[in-house]
């Protein structure tokens, strides 16, 4: 683990130790969306202030105490770590709530019933509450690929074709 991620996880663990959050589906999704959104504009955080942290956090401010984190990071000259800390905080929260967040790539559109069935299947094989986004990927050729931080699973014709290409 590089120094930046190490520092981010230390700050996230310290914040996580003092913040007690309920395991609610809506909050899990909101926190993950926030982590992804601020991670897209990393260069902004090299010149940010603690008030930028407060503005960005909005409704998450009071429950997650990102205001205190922003003040501490500004004092230490480390506001550039804010996106990584929020991502680590979200990962720790998901771990505590026994949640897996993943992306499902599929070769075709899903019906509402298929989407619900896929959710039940993923929760069964993962043994966790699963949140997932679906992205269409025609290159899979009649298949599915599940990608998460701790899971990678694919069942597709494209995968079988790649396996055949590796045969001597």
C-alpha atoms as a PDB file:
ATOM      1  CA  UNK A   1       0.000   0.000   0.000  1.00  0.00           C
ATOM      2  CA  UNK A   2       1.465   3.359  -0.918  1.00  0.00           C
ATOM      3  CA  UNK A   3       1.897   6.167   1.591  1.00  0.00           C
ATOM      4  CA  UNK A   4      -1.105   8.168   0.357  1.00  0.00           C
ATOM      5  CA  UNK A   5      -3.527   5.254   0.778  1.00  0.00           C
ATOM      6  CA  UNK A   6      -1.972   4.350   4.114  1.00  0.00           C
ATOM      7  CA  UNK A   7      -2.562   7.884   5.408  1.00  0.00           C
ATOM      8  CA  UNK A   8      -6.092   7.954   3.986  1.00  0.00           C
ATOM      9  CA  UNK A   9      -7.003   4.715   5.767  1.00  0.00           C
ATOM     10  CA  UNK A  10      -5.522   5.964   9.050  1.00  0.00           C
ATOM     11  CA  UNK A  11      -7.633   9.122   8.915  1.00  0.00           C
ATOM     12  CA  UNK A  12     -10.698   7.124   7.829  1.00  0.00           C
ATOM     13  CA  UNK A  13     -10.280   4.604  10.678  1.00  0.00           C
ATOM     14  CA  UNK A  14      -9.887   7.405  13.213  1.00  0.00           C
ATOM     15  CA  UNK A  15     -13.017   9.152  11.944  1.00  0.00           C
ATOM     16  CA  UNK A  16     -14.894   5.869  11.760  1.00  0.00           C
ATOM     17  CA  UNK A  17     -14.039   5.159  15.410  1.00  0.00           C
ATOM     18  CA  UNK A  18     -15.869   8.284  16.592  1.00  0.00           C
ATOM     19  CA  UNK A  19     -18.828   8.255  14.196  1.00  0.00           C
ATOM     20  CA  UNK A  20     -21.624   5.753  14.774  1.00  0.00           C
ATOM     21  CA  UNK A  21     -23.739   5.333  11.660  1.00  0.00           C
ATOM     22  CA  UNK A  22     -26.755   3.072  11.200  1.00  0.00           C
ATOM     23  CA  UNK A  23     -26.623   0.515   8.383  1.00  0.00           C
ATOM     24  CA  UNK A  24     -29.289   1.979   6.103  1.00  0.00           C
ATOM     25  CA  UNK A  25     -29.451   1.217   2.382  1.00  0.00           C
ATOM     26  CA  UNK A  26     -30.117   4.824   1.390  1.00  0.00           C
ATOM     27  CA  UNK A  27     -27.157   6.116   3.379  1.00  0.00           C
ATOM     28  CA  UNK A  28     -24.820   3.440   1.991  1.00  0.00           C
ATOM     29  CA  UNK A  29     -25.744   4.513  -1.541  1.00  0.00           C
ATOM     30  CA  UNK A  30     -25.441   8.233  -0.736  1.00  0.00           C
ATOM     31  CA  UNK A  31     -22.002   7.846   0.847  1.00  0.00           C
ATOM     32  CA  UNK A  32     -20.696   5.723  -2.045  1.00  0.00           C
ATOM     33  CA  UNK A  33     -22.035   8.207  -4.625  1.00  0.00           C
ATOM     34  CA  UNK A  34     -20.328  11.051  -2.736  1.00  0.00           C
ATOM     35  CA  UNK A  35     -17.022   9.146  -2.634  1.00  0.00           C
ATOM     36  CA  UNK A  36     -17.167   8.484  -6.380  1.00  0.00           C
ATOM     37  CA  UNK A  37     -18.174  12.071  -7.205  1.00  0.00           C
ATOM     38  CA  UNK A  38     -15.364  13.783  -5.280  1.00  0.00           C
ATOM     39  CA  UNK A  39     -12.853  11.226  -6.532  1.00  0.00           C
ATOM     40  CA  UNK A  40     -13.471  12.396 -10.112  1.00  0.00           C
ATOM     41  CA  UNK A  41     -11.976  15.847  -9.474  1.00  0.00           C
ATOM     42  CA  UNK A  42      -8.841  15.096  -7.462  1.00  0.00           C
ATOM     43  CA  UNK A  43      -6.874  18.112  -8.685  1.00  0.00           C
ATOM     44  CA  UNK A  44      -9.404  20.454  -7.041  1.00  0.00           C
ATOM     45  CA  UNK A  45      -8.432  19.179  -3.583  1.00  0.00           C
ATOM     46  CA  UNK A  46      -4.792  20.305  -3.885  1.00  0.00           C
ATOM     47  CA  UNK A  47      -5.929  23.931  -3.458  1.00  0.00           C
ATOM     48  CA  UNK A  48      -9.066  23.367  -1.378  1.00  0.00           C
ATOM     49  CA  UNK A  49      -9.997  24.699   2.054  1.00  0.00           C
ATOM     50  CA  UNK A  50     -11.891  23.092   4.913  1.00  0.00           C
ATOM     51  CA  UNK A  51     -14.993  25.049   3.855  1.00  0.00           C
ATOM     52  CA  UNK A  52     -14.785  23.251   0.474  1.00  0.00           C
ATOM     53  CA  UNK A  53     -15.037  19.967   2.377  1.00  0.00           C
ATOM     54  CA  UNK A  54     -18.090  21.262   4.205  1.00  0.00           C
ATOM     55  CA  UNK A  55     -19.756  22.448   0.986  1.00  0.00           C
ATOM     56  CA  UNK A  56     -19.029  19.181  -0.817  1.00  0.00           C
ATOM     57  CA  UNK A  57     -20.292  16.994   2.024  1.00  0.00           C
ATOM     58  CA  UNK A  58     -23.636  18.783   2.284  1.00  0.00           C
ATOM     59  CA  UNK A  59     -26.113  16.498   4.082  1.00  0.00           C
ATOM     60  CA  UNK A  60     -23.393  14.010   5.027  1.00  0.00           C
ATOM     61  CA  UNK A  61     -21.648  16.686   7.059  1.00  0.00           C
ATOM     62  CA  UNK A  62     -23.438  16.286  10.367  1.00  0.00           C
ATOM     63  CA  UNK A  63     -23.535  12.503  10.559  1.00  0.00           C
ATOM     64  CA  UNK A  64     -20.035  11.773   9.225  1.00  0.00           C
ATOM     65  CA  UNK A  65     -18.251  14.767  10.790  1.00  0.00           C
ATOM     66  CA  UNK A  66     -16.498  15.694   7.557  1.00  0.00           C
ATOM     67  CA  UNK A  67     -16.363  19.255   8.951  1.00  0.00           C
ATOM     68  CA  UNK A  68     -13.933  18.159  11.672  1.00  0.00           C
ATOM     69  CA  UNK A  69     -11.986  16.117   9.136  1.00  0.00           C
ATOM     70  CA  UNK A  70     -11.716  19.142   6.808  1.00  0.00           C
ATOM     71  CA  UNK A  71     -10.406  21.348   9.628  1.00  0.00           C
ATOM     72  CA  UNK A  72      -7.860  18.696  10.652  1.00  0.00           C
ATOM     73  CA  UNK A  73      -6.672  18.148   7.082  1.00  0.00           C
ATOM     74  CA  UNK A  74      -6.336  21.879   6.459  1.00  0.00           C
ATOM     75  CA  UNK A  75      -4.338  22.281   9.670  1.00  0.00           C
ATOM     76  CA  UNK A  76      -2.007  19.429   8.604  1.00  0.00           C
ATOM     77  CA  UNK A  77      -1.757  20.620   4.975  1.00  0.00           C
ATOM     78  CA  UNK A  78      -3.310  17.406   3.696  1.00  0.00           C
ATOM     79  CA  UNK A  79      -6.640  18.407   2.151  1.00  0.00           C
ATOM     80  CA  UNK A  80      -5.533  16.664  -1.039  1.00  0.00           C
ATOM     81  CA  UNK A  81      -6.216  13.389   0.851  1.00  0.00           C
ATOM     82  CA  UNK A  82      -9.938  14.156   1.286  1.00  0.00           C
ATOM     83  CA  UNK A  83     -11.216  12.057  -1.685  1.00  0.00           C
ATOM     84  CA  UNK A  84      -9.128   9.046  -0.620  1.00  0.00           C
ATOM     85  CA  UNK A  85     -10.252   9.363   2.996  1.00  0.00           C
ATOM     86  CA  UNK A  86     -13.915   9.512   2.000  1.00  0.00           C
ATOM     87  CA  UNK A  87     -13.446   6.455  -0.245  1.00  0.00           C
ATOM     88  CA  UNK A  88     -11.737   4.571   2.604  1.00  0.00           C
ATOM     89  CA  UNK A  89     -14.453   5.694   5.042  1.00  0.00           C
ATOM     90  CA  UNK A  90     -17.123   4.411   2.648  1.00  0.00           C
ATOM     91  CA  UNK A  91     -15.284   1.077   2.303  1.00  0.00           C
ATOM     92  CA  UNK A  92     -15.028   0.700   6.095  1.00  0.00           C
ATOM     93  CA  UNK A  93     -18.720   1.525   6.465  1.00  0.00           C
ATOM     94  CA  UNK A  94     -19.687  -1.013   3.812  1.00  0.00           C
ATOM     95  CA  UNK A  95     -17.524  -3.625   5.505  1.00  0.00           C
ATOM     96  CA  UNK A  96     -19.173  -2.958   8.863  1.00  0.00           C
ATOM     97  CA  UNK A  97     -22.635  -3.195   7.284  1.00  0.00           C
ATOM     98  CA  UNK A  98     -21.676  -6.404   5.421  1.00  0.00           C
ATOM     99  CA  UNK A  99     -22.227  -4.794   2.022  1.00  0.00           C
ATOM    100  CA  UNK A 100     -20.679  -5.490  -1.361  1.00  0.00           C
ATOM    101  CA  UNK A 101     -20.752  -2.784  -4.037  1.00  0.00           C
ATOM    102  CA  UNK A 102     -20.130  -4.000  -7.566  1.00  0.00           C
ATOM    103  CA  UNK A 103     -20.610  -3.317 -11.246  1.00  0.00           C
ATOM    104  CA  UNK A 104     -22.427  -5.849 -13.378  1.00  0.00           C
ATOM    105  CA  UNK A 105     -21.604  -5.802 -17.068  1.00  0.00           C
ATOM    106  CA  UNK A 106     -24.107  -7.591 -19.262  1.00  0.00           C
ATOM    107  CA  UNK A 107     -24.429  -8.213 -22.968  1.00  0.00           C
ATOM    108  CA  UNK A 108     -28.132  -7.330 -23.125  1.00  0.00           C
ATOM    109  CA  UNK A 109     -30.797  -5.287 -21.345  1.00  0.00           C
ATOM    110  CA  UNK A 110     -32.416  -6.749 -18.225  1.00  0.00           C
ATOM    111  CA  UNK A 111     -36.104  -6.762 -17.429  1.00  0.00           C
ATOM    112  CA  UNK A 112     -37.206  -5.609 -13.983  1.00  0.00           C
ATOM    113  CA  UNK A 113     -37.727  -9.244 -12.966  1.00  0.00           C
ATOM    114  CA  UNK A 114     -34.263 -10.258 -14.211  1.00  0.00           C
ATOM    115  CA  UNK A 115     -32.698  -7.330 -12.337  1.00  0.00           C
ATOM    116  CA  UNK A 116     -34.384  -8.431  -9.088  1.00  0.00           C
ATOM    117  CA  UNK A 117     -33.375 -12.070  -9.663  1.00  0.00           C
ATOM    118  CA  UNK A 118     -29.780 -11.013 -10.333  1.00  0.00           C
ATOM    119  CA  UNK A 119     -29.764  -9.089  -7.035  1.00  0.00           C
ATOM    120  CA  UNK A 120     -30.999 -12.148  -5.132  1.00  0.00           C
ATOM    121  CA  UNK A 121     -28.410 -14.354  -6.873  1.00  0.00           C
ATOM    122  CA  UNK A 122     -25.532 -11.972  -6.071  1.00  0.00           C
ATOM    123  CA  UNK A 123     -26.579 -11.715  -2.417  1.00  0.00           C
ATOM    124  CA  UNK A 124     -26.767 -15.500  -2.185  1.00  0.00           C
ATOM    125  CA  UNK A 125     -23.297 -16.144  -3.618  1.00  0.00           C
ATOM    126  CA  UNK A 126     -21.682 -13.200  -1.788  1.00  0.00           C
ATOM    127  CA  UNK A 127     -23.358 -13.793   1.559  1.00  0.00           C
ATOM    128  CA  UNK A 128     -23.765 -10.024   1.844  1.00  0.00           C
ATOM    129  CA  UNK A 129     -26.157  -7.248   0.982  1.00  0.00           C
ATOM    130  CA  UNK A 130     -25.258  -6.328  -2.599  1.00  0.00           C
ATOM    131  CA  UNK A 131     -25.590  -2.951  -4.288  1.00  0.00           C
ATOM    132  CA  UNK A 132     -24.849  -3.001  -7.975  1.00  0.00           C
ATOM    133  CA  UNK A 133     -24.937  -0.880 -11.068  1.00  0.00           C
ATOM    134  CA  UNK A 134     -25.628  -2.442 -14.444  1.00  0.00           C
ATOM    135  CA  UNK A 135     -23.677  -1.458 -17.548  1.00  0.00           C
ATOM    136  CA  UNK A 136     -24.334  -2.836 -20.983  1.00  0.00           C
ATOM    137  CA  UNK A 137     -21.276  -4.410 -22.632  1.00  0.00           C
ATOM    138  CA  UNK A 138     -21.974  -6.098 -25.992  1.00  0.00           C
ATOM    139  CA  UNK A 139     -18.370  -7.384 -26.140  1.00  0.00           C
ATOM    140  CA  UNK A 140     -19.305 -10.067 -23.597  1.00  0.00           C
ATOM    141  CA  UNK A 141     -21.316 -11.882 -26.281  1.00  0.00           C
ATOM    142  CA  UNK A 142     -24.285 -13.311 -24.363  1.00  0.00           C
ATOM    143  CA  UNK A 143     -22.933 -13.142 -20.860  1.00  0.00           C
ATOM    144  CA  UNK A 144     -22.387 -11.402 -17.569  1.00  0.00           C
ATOM    145  CA  UNK A 145     -19.373 -10.075 -15.651  1.00  0.00           C
ATOM    146  CA  UNK A 146     -19.486  -9.009 -11.996  1.00  0.00           C
ATOM    147  CA  UNK A 147     -16.677  -6.739 -10.785  1.00  0.00           C
ATOM    148  CA  UNK A 148     -16.266  -5.545  -7.220  1.00  0.00           C
ATOM    149  CA  UNK A 149     -13.469  -4.762  -4.819  1.00  0.00           C
ATOM    150  CA  UNK A 150     -13.411  -8.353  -3.562  1.00  0.00           C
ATOM    151  CA  UNK A 151     -15.190 -10.230  -6.341  1.00  0.00           C
ATOM    152  CA  UNK A 152     -14.625 -10.914 -10.020  1.00  0.00           C
ATOM    153  CA  UNK A 153     -16.870 -13.386 -11.785  1.00  0.00           C
ATOM    154  CA  UNK A 154     -17.625 -13.845 -15.462  1.00  0.00           C
ATOM    155  CA  UNK A 155     -19.757 -16.239 -17.428  1.00  0.00           C
ATOM    156  CA  UNK A 156     -19.829 -15.318 -21.097  1.00  0.00           C
ATOM    157  CA  UNK A 157     -19.118 -16.610 -24.558  1.00  0.00           C
ATOM    158  CA  UNK A 158     -16.302 -14.049 -24.815  1.00  0.00           C
ATOM    159  CA  UNK A 159     -14.636 -15.622 -21.763  1.00  0.00           C
ATOM    160  CA  UNK A 160     -14.884 -19.073 -23.334  1.00  0.00           C
ATOM    161  CA  UNK A 161     -13.449 -17.795 -26.602  1.00  0.00           C
ATOM    162  CA  UNK A 162     -10.467 -16.279 -24.732  1.00  0.00           C
ATOM    163  CA  UNK A 163      -9.929 -19.642 -23.022  1.00  0.00           C
ATOM    164  CA  UNK A 164      -9.960 -21.425 -26.381  1.00  0.00           C
ATOM    165  CA  UNK A 165      -7.355 -18.983 -27.759  1.00  0.00           C
ATOM    166  CA  UNK A 166      -4.989 -19.943 -24.926  1.00  0.00           C
ATOM    167  CA  UNK A 167      -5.091 -23.645 -25.829  1.00  0.00           C
ATOM    168  CA  UNK A 168      -1.937 -24.973 -27.528  1.00  0.00           C
END
